[in-house]
């Protein structure tokens, strides 16, 4: 499996579990809608009142698990950054292609968008007699 294959796999996933760190250092996880770029950047939206929003604004480290159907998954760790909710750009285009209802959420009070830039990822497919596992790192 190469990064292109991981992108194609993640592109089939609409949901992922994003984990962040609470103020006390405890992990906190949430199911979110995800979109992915060819560089394996993960895009999702949330609201400013959510725990993950506050967590990411304080500590941008995040992890993601996606694709748990049929024992094939991607685990990803990286650093999240908030992107504009008013100045739309290429990340929004990727997200809105995946979620056509996304533009309607732009009217929500406190809507926020984040992009997780990957630092490490692992693809695992246990649907075969010899599991396929591939790890990737970013400088």
Protein backbone atom coordinates (compact mmCIF):
# COMPACT_ATOMS: atom_id res chain seq x y z
CA UNK A 1 0.00 0.00 0.00
CA UNK A 2 1.29 3.45 -0.89
CA UNK A 3 0.05 6.91 0.11
CA UNK A 4 -2.11 7.10 -3.02
CA UNK A 5 -3.86 3.90 -1.97
CA UNK A 6 -4.38 5.26 1.54
CA UNK A 7 -5.90 8.42 0.01
CA UNK A 8 -8.25 6.34 -2.15
CA UNK A 9 -9.29 4.29 0.88
CA UNK A 10 -9.87 7.34 3.11
CA UNK A 11 -11.80 9.02 0.29
CA UNK A 12 -14.39 6.24 0.61
CA UNK A 13 -14.84 7.01 4.32
CA UNK A 14 -17.39 9.60 5.37
CA UNK A 15 -16.85 9.29 9.11
CA UNK A 16 -13.88 9.16 11.42
CA UNK A 17 -13.20 9.35 15.14
CA UNK A 18 -11.07 12.37 16.01
CA UNK A 19 -9.29 12.32 19.35
CA UNK A 20 -7.98 15.41 21.13
CA UNK A 21 -6.51 16.18 24.54
CA UNK A 22 -8.62 17.76 27.25
CA UNK A 23 -7.31 20.49 29.53
CA UNK A 24 -6.26 17.86 32.07
CA UNK A 25 -4.46 15.81 29.39
CA UNK A 26 -7.18 13.17 29.20
CA UNK A 27 -8.10 11.90 25.72
CA UNK A 28 -11.48 12.87 24.30
CA UNK A 29 -12.93 11.40 21.10
CA UNK A 30 -15.76 12.36 18.77
CA UNK A 31 -17.27 10.99 15.58
CA UNK A 32 -17.05 13.55 12.75
CA UNK A 33 -17.66 13.74 9.04
CA UNK A 34 -14.33 13.74 7.21
CA UNK A 35 -12.93 14.62 3.82
CA UNK A 36 -9.34 13.99 2.73
CA UNK A 37 -6.85 15.65 0.39
CA UNK A 38 -4.33 13.71 -1.74
CA UNK A 39 -1.72 14.72 0.88
CA UNK A 40 -3.79 12.83 3.49
CA UNK A 41 -4.87 16.01 5.25
CA UNK A 42 -8.14 15.43 7.09
CA UNK A 43 -10.83 18.13 6.94
CA UNK A 44 -13.80 18.30 9.31
CA UNK A 45 -16.19 20.81 10.78
CA UNK A 46 -17.38 21.30 14.33
CA UNK A 47 -18.94 24.02 16.44
CA UNK A 48 -17.10 26.36 18.78
CA UNK A 49 -19.05 25.01 21.77
CA UNK A 50 -17.71 21.47 21.28
CA UNK A 51 -15.01 19.99 23.49
CA UNK A 52 -12.80 19.23 20.47
CA UNK A 53 -12.88 22.88 19.38
CA UNK A 54 -11.57 24.10 22.75
CA UNK A 55 -9.08 21.26 22.94
CA UNK A 56 -7.64 21.96 19.48
CA UNK A 57 -7.40 25.69 20.11
CA UNK A 58 -5.37 24.94 23.26
CA UNK A 59 -3.36 21.96 21.94
CA UNK A 60 -3.50 21.22 18.20
CA UNK A 61 -2.34 17.59 18.46
CA UNK A 62 -5.00 15.22 17.15
CA UNK A 63 -5.45 11.67 15.98
CA UNK A 64 -8.00 9.99 13.75
CA UNK A 65 -9.26 6.48 13.08
CA UNK A 66 -11.37 5.82 9.99
CA UNK A 67 -12.64 2.87 8.04
CA UNK A 68 -13.42 0.25 10.67
CA UNK A 69 -15.73 -1.66 8.33
CA UNK A 70 -14.48 -5.13 7.42
CA UNK A 71 -11.26 -4.86 9.46
CA UNK A 72 -9.55 -2.25 7.29
CA UNK A 73 -8.55 0.98 9.03
CA UNK A 74 -6.37 4.02 8.85
CA UNK A 75 -4.90 5.53 11.99
CA UNK A 76 -3.45 8.99 11.62
CA UNK A 77 -1.74 11.40 14.00
CA UNK A 78 -0.99 15.01 13.27
CA UNK A 79 -1.45 18.67 14.04
CA UNK A 80 -4.75 20.44 13.46
CA UNK A 81 -5.22 24.02 12.43
CA UNK A 82 -8.35 26.04 12.14
CA UNK A 83 -9.19 27.35 8.70
CA UNK A 84 -11.53 30.21 7.91
CA UNK A 85 -15.26 29.71 8.06
CA UNK A 86 -15.84 32.79 5.90
CA UNK A 87 -12.99 32.83 3.37
CA UNK A 88 -13.61 29.68 1.39
CA UNK A 89 -10.66 27.96 -0.23
CA UNK A 90 -9.44 24.62 -1.59
CA UNK A 91 -10.02 22.73 1.67
CA UNK A 92 -13.66 23.82 1.67
CA UNK A 93 -13.99 22.65 -1.93
CA UNK A 94 -12.74 19.18 -0.96
CA UNK A 95 -15.07 19.09 2.05
CA UNK A 96 -18.13 20.35 0.16
CA UNK A 97 -17.61 17.78 -2.62
CA UNK A 98 -17.86 15.08 0.05
CA UNK A 99 -20.66 16.80 1.97
CA UNK A 100 -22.95 18.73 -0.40
CA UNK A 101 -24.93 19.97 2.62
CA UNK A 102 -21.76 21.60 4.01
CA UNK A 103 -22.41 25.06 2.52
CA UNK A 104 -25.72 25.23 4.39
CA UNK A 105 -23.81 24.82 7.68
CA UNK A 106 -21.84 27.99 6.90
CA UNK A 107 -24.86 29.84 8.31
CA UNK A 108 -24.55 28.10 11.66
CA UNK A 109 -23.42 30.32 14.50
CA UNK A 110 -20.00 29.17 15.67
CA UNK A 111 -19.22 26.76 12.82
CA UNK A 112 -15.51 26.00 12.59
CA UNK A 113 -13.37 24.03 10.15
CA UNK A 114 -10.14 22.22 10.93
CA UNK A 115 -7.47 20.50 8.86
CA UNK A 116 -5.25 17.84 10.41
CA UNK A 117 -1.80 17.79 8.77
CA UNK A 118 -0.51 14.23 9.15
CA UNK A 119 2.74 13.38 10.94
CA UNK A 120 2.24 9.60 11.03
CA UNK A 121 -0.27 7.17 9.50
CA UNK A 122 -0.85 3.42 9.48
CA UNK A 123 -3.01 1.50 7.03
CA UNK A 124 -4.11 -1.95 8.27
CA UNK A 125 -6.07 -4.56 6.31
CA UNK A 126 -6.78 -7.74 8.26
CA UNK A 127 -9.14 -9.18 5.62
CA UNK A 128 -6.48 -11.47 4.19
CA UNK A 129 -4.52 -14.44 5.49
CA UNK A 130 -1.43 -12.25 5.82
CA UNK A 131 -2.40 -8.81 7.12
CA UNK A 132 -1.32 -5.84 5.02
CA UNK A 133 0.11 -3.06 7.19
CA UNK A 134 1.87 0.05 5.93
CA UNK A 135 3.20 2.96 7.99
CA UNK A 136 4.04 6.43 6.77
CA UNK A 137 5.84 9.34 8.36
CA UNK A 138 6.17 13.01 7.49
CA UNK A 139 9.25 15.08 8.30
